[in-house]
Amino acid sequence: MKDSLTGLRNREAFQERLEDDYRRSLRHCVPLALLLLEVDNFGDYITRCGKARGDEALRQLAETIRGVARTTDYVARWHSERFALLLPFTEARGAMQLADRLHENLADWPTRDESLTVSIGVASVHPLLVNADMLMDEANRALRVSRVRGRDRPSHSGVPEVVSAR
């Protein structure tokens, strides 16, 4: 249930938790948000700097995420250079604030250089989402928006009143 490189939970553990927390959110009418982070240009970084430096960058990123995440948040390595944070009892505005804080902390990421940045997609439970997969789709959509807008930024999936400080 743990990722061997970063020590974070793995995708399978995260998926189980996402399903449980999503059902709990609907049943008790409590907010829930999801952040997806992806290292921009990671393949190029590996080609240029090597796998060992890439692994070290991912370990440092995981530490930074752990340092910003609250004790109630659930953090996992989703896949390769992608990470996920599940934020129980967090509305859209609070999720964007955490995404902005995380993004600011990553400015001091030790292995970061101009080519190695992080895009963040943020989604939150709303009435049009009927299952946890749709919440994940929303977060993926927001992540694509971040990349299209130039990368290295957080974006929300579509709640217009929620705007990043960037």
Protein backbone atom coordinates (compact mmCIF):
# COMPACT_ATOMS: atom_id res chain seq x y z
CA MET A 1 0.00 0.00 0.00
CA LYS A 2 3.09 2.26 0.01
CA ASP A 3 5.20 3.56 -2.83
CA SER A 4 8.73 2.26 -2.34
CA LEU A 5 10.47 5.36 -3.73
CA THR A 6 8.64 8.13 -1.87
CA GLY A 7 7.16 6.36 1.14
CA LEU A 8 3.75 7.81 0.27
CA ARG A 9 0.66 5.72 -0.19
CA ASN A 10 0.32 4.11 -3.61
CA ARG A 11 -2.42 4.46 -6.21
CA GLU A 12 -4.37 1.44 -5.02
CA ALA A 13 -4.53 2.70 -1.43
CA PHE A 14 -5.48 6.16 -2.64
CA GLN A 15 -8.26 4.84 -4.88
CA GLU A 16 -9.81 2.95 -1.95
CA ARG A 17 -9.66 6.04 0.25
CA LEU A 18 -11.08 8.24 -2.52
CA GLU A 19 -14.10 5.94 -2.89
CA ASP A 20 -14.70 5.86 0.88
CA ASP A 21 -14.30 9.60 1.37
CA TYR A 22 -16.47 10.38 -1.64
CA ARG A 23 -19.31 8.25 -0.29
CA ARG A 24 -18.88 9.83 3.16
CA SER A 25 -18.97 13.31 1.60
CA LEU A 26 -22.28 12.59 -0.12
CA ARG A 27 -23.84 10.75 2.82
CA HIS A 28 -22.99 13.45 5.41
CA CYS A 29 -23.08 16.48 3.06
CA VAL A 30 -19.51 17.47 3.88
CA PRO A 31 -17.05 19.00 1.41
CA LEU A 32 -14.25 17.05 -0.21
CA ALA A 33 -11.53 18.22 -2.59
CA LEU A 34 -8.86 16.55 -4.67
CA LEU A 35 -5.50 17.87 -5.88
CA LEU A 36 -3.49 16.24 -8.65
CA LEU A 37 0.13 17.35 -9.06
CA GLU A 38 2.30 16.53 -12.02
CA VAL A 39 5.96 17.32 -12.53
CA ASP A 40 6.25 19.26 -15.78
CA ASN A 41 8.88 18.14 -18.30
CA PHE A 42 9.95 15.22 -16.10
CA GLY A 43 10.90 13.00 -19.05
CA ASP A 44 13.25 15.69 -20.37
CA TYR A 45 14.74 16.09 -16.88
CA ILE A 46 15.43 12.34 -16.68
CA THR A 47 17.04 12.39 -20.12
CA ARG A 48 19.22 15.34 -19.17
CA CYS A 49 20.08 14.51 -15.55
CA GLY A 50 19.58 10.75 -15.23
CA LYS A 51 17.22 8.44 -13.37
CA ALA A 52 19.00 8.78 -10.02
CA ARG A 53 18.51 12.57 -9.98
CA GLY A 54 14.92 12.08 -11.13
CA ASP A 55 14.26 9.69 -8.25
CA GLU A 56 15.81 12.17 -5.82
CA ALA A 57 13.62 14.96 -7.23
CA LEU A 58 10.51 12.82 -6.65
CA ARG A 59 11.57 12.00 -3.08
CA GLN A 60 12.12 15.69 -2.35
CA LEU A 61 8.79 16.57 -3.92
CA ALA A 62 7.06 13.97 -1.74
CA GLU A 63 8.70 15.52 1.35
CA THR A 64 7.54 18.98 0.34
CA ILE A 65 3.99 17.75 -0.19
CA ARG A 66 4.03 16.01 3.21
CA GLY A 67 5.23 19.23 4.82
CA VAL A 68 2.36 21.28 3.39
CA ALA A 69 -0.42 18.69 3.70
CA ARG A 70 -2.51 18.74 6.85
CA THR A 71 -2.71 15.70 9.10
CA THR A 72 -6.24 15.03 7.82
CA ASP A 73 -5.14 15.03 4.16
CA TYR A 74 -4.38 11.79 2.35
CA VAL A 75 -1.29 11.95 0.12
CA ALA A 76 -0.22 9.39 -2.49
CA ARG A 77 2.02 8.90 -5.45
CA TRP A 78 -0.55 8.34 -8.17
CA HIS A 79 1.74 7.37 -11.03
CA SER A 80 5.35 8.07 -12.00
CA GLU A 81 5.61 11.87 -11.71
CA ARG A 82 2.00 12.38 -10.59
CA PHE A 83 0.83 12.79 -7.00
CA ALA A 84 -2.63 13.07 -5.45
CA LEU A 85 -3.95 14.72 -2.30
CA LEU A 86 -7.40 14.04 -0.93
CA LEU A 87 -8.66 16.90 1.25
CA PRO A 88 -11.59 15.87 3.46
CA PHE A 89 -13.82 18.62 4.87
CA THR A 90 -12.34 21.11 2.39
CA GLU A 91 -14.35 23.32 0.06
CA ALA A 92 -13.14 24.65 -3.29
CA ARG A 93 -11.71 27.89 -1.91
CA GLY A 94 -9.75 26.09 0.81
CA ALA A 95 -8.45 23.57 -1.72
CA MET A 96 -7.18 26.38 -3.96
CA GLN A 97 -5.52 28.05 -0.98
CA LEU A 98 -3.73 24.80 -0.16
CA ALA A 99 -2.75 24.38 -3.83
CA ASP A 100 -1.34 27.92 -3.88
CA ARG A 101 0.59 27.31 -0.64
CA LEU A 102 1.93 24.05 -2.02
CA HIS A 103 2.94 25.76 -5.25
CA GLU A 104 4.75 28.50 -3.30
CA ASN A 105 6.61 25.91 -1.22
CA LEU A 106 7.70 24.13 -4.37
CA ALA A 107 9.51 27.29 -5.47
CA ASP A 108 12.16 26.20 -2.93
CA TRP A 109 12.15 22.59 -4.07
CA PRO A 110 15.87 21.68 -3.88
CA THR A 111 16.16 19.96 -7.27
CA ARG A 112 13.96 22.42 -9.07
CA ASP A 113 15.31 24.26 -12.07
CA GLU A 114 13.54 26.16 -14.82
CA SER A 115 12.62 22.96 -16.63
CA LEU A 116 11.31 21.10 -13.58
CA THR A 117 8.10 22.69 -12.36
CA VAL A 118 4.78 21.41 -11.04
CA SER A 119 1.25 21.87 -12.38
CA ILE A 120 -1.68 21.31 -10.03
CA GLY A 121 -5.28 20.43 -10.82
CA VAL A 122 -7.93 21.05 -8.17
CA ALA A 123 -11.46 19.65 -8.05
CA SER A 124 -14.12 19.60 -5.39
CA VAL A 125 -17.32 17.66 -4.87
CA HIS A 126 -20.39 19.36 -6.31
CA PRO A 127 -23.92 18.17 -7.18
CA LEU A 128 -23.12 17.27 -10.80
CA LEU A 129 -20.55 14.66 -9.79
CA VAL A 130 -22.20 11.31 -9.21
CA ASN A 131 -19.15 9.25 -8.30
CA ALA A 132 -15.49 9.40 -7.28
CA ASP A 133 -14.32 8.74 -10.84
CA MET A 134 -15.99 11.97 -11.93
CA LEU A 135 -14.13 13.86 -9.21
CA MET A 136 -10.87 12.41 -10.53
CA ASP A 137 -11.88 13.39 -14.08
CA GLU A 138 -12.50 16.96 -12.89
CA ALA A 139 -9.06 17.11 -11.26
CA ASN A 140 -7.47 15.75 -14.45
CA ARG A 141 -9.31 18.37 -16.48
CA ALA A 142 -8.01 21.12 -14.17
CA LEU A 143 -4.49 19.70 -14.48
CA ARG A 144 -4.76 19.93 -18.27
CA VAL A 145 -5.86 23.54 -17.92
CA SER A 146 -2.75 24.28 -15.84
CA ARG A 147 -0.54 22.77 -18.51
CA VAL A 148 -2.30 24.59 -21.37
CA ARG A 149 -1.98 27.91 -19.53
CA GLY A 150 1.79 27.53 -19.39
CA ARG A 151 2.36 24.95 -16.65
CA ASP A 152 3.81 25.63 -13.21
CA ARG A 153 0.50 26.76 -11.72
CA PRO A 154 -2.62 25.50 -9.93
CA SER A 155 -6.01 25.53 -11.68
CA HIS A 156 -9.49 24.62 -10.46
CA SER A 157 -11.83 22.46 -12.49
CA GLY A 158 -14.45 25.07 -13.02
CA VAL A 159 -15.82 26.86 -9.99
CA PRO A 160 -15.63 30.42 -11.36
CA GLU A 161 -15.41 32.22 -8.01
CA VAL A 162 -12.31 30.24 -7.05
CA VAL A 163 -9.26 31.88 -8.50
CA SER A 164 -5.63 31.13 -7.81
CA ALA A 165 -3.42 33.98 -6.61
CA ARG A 166 -1.34 33.47 -9.76
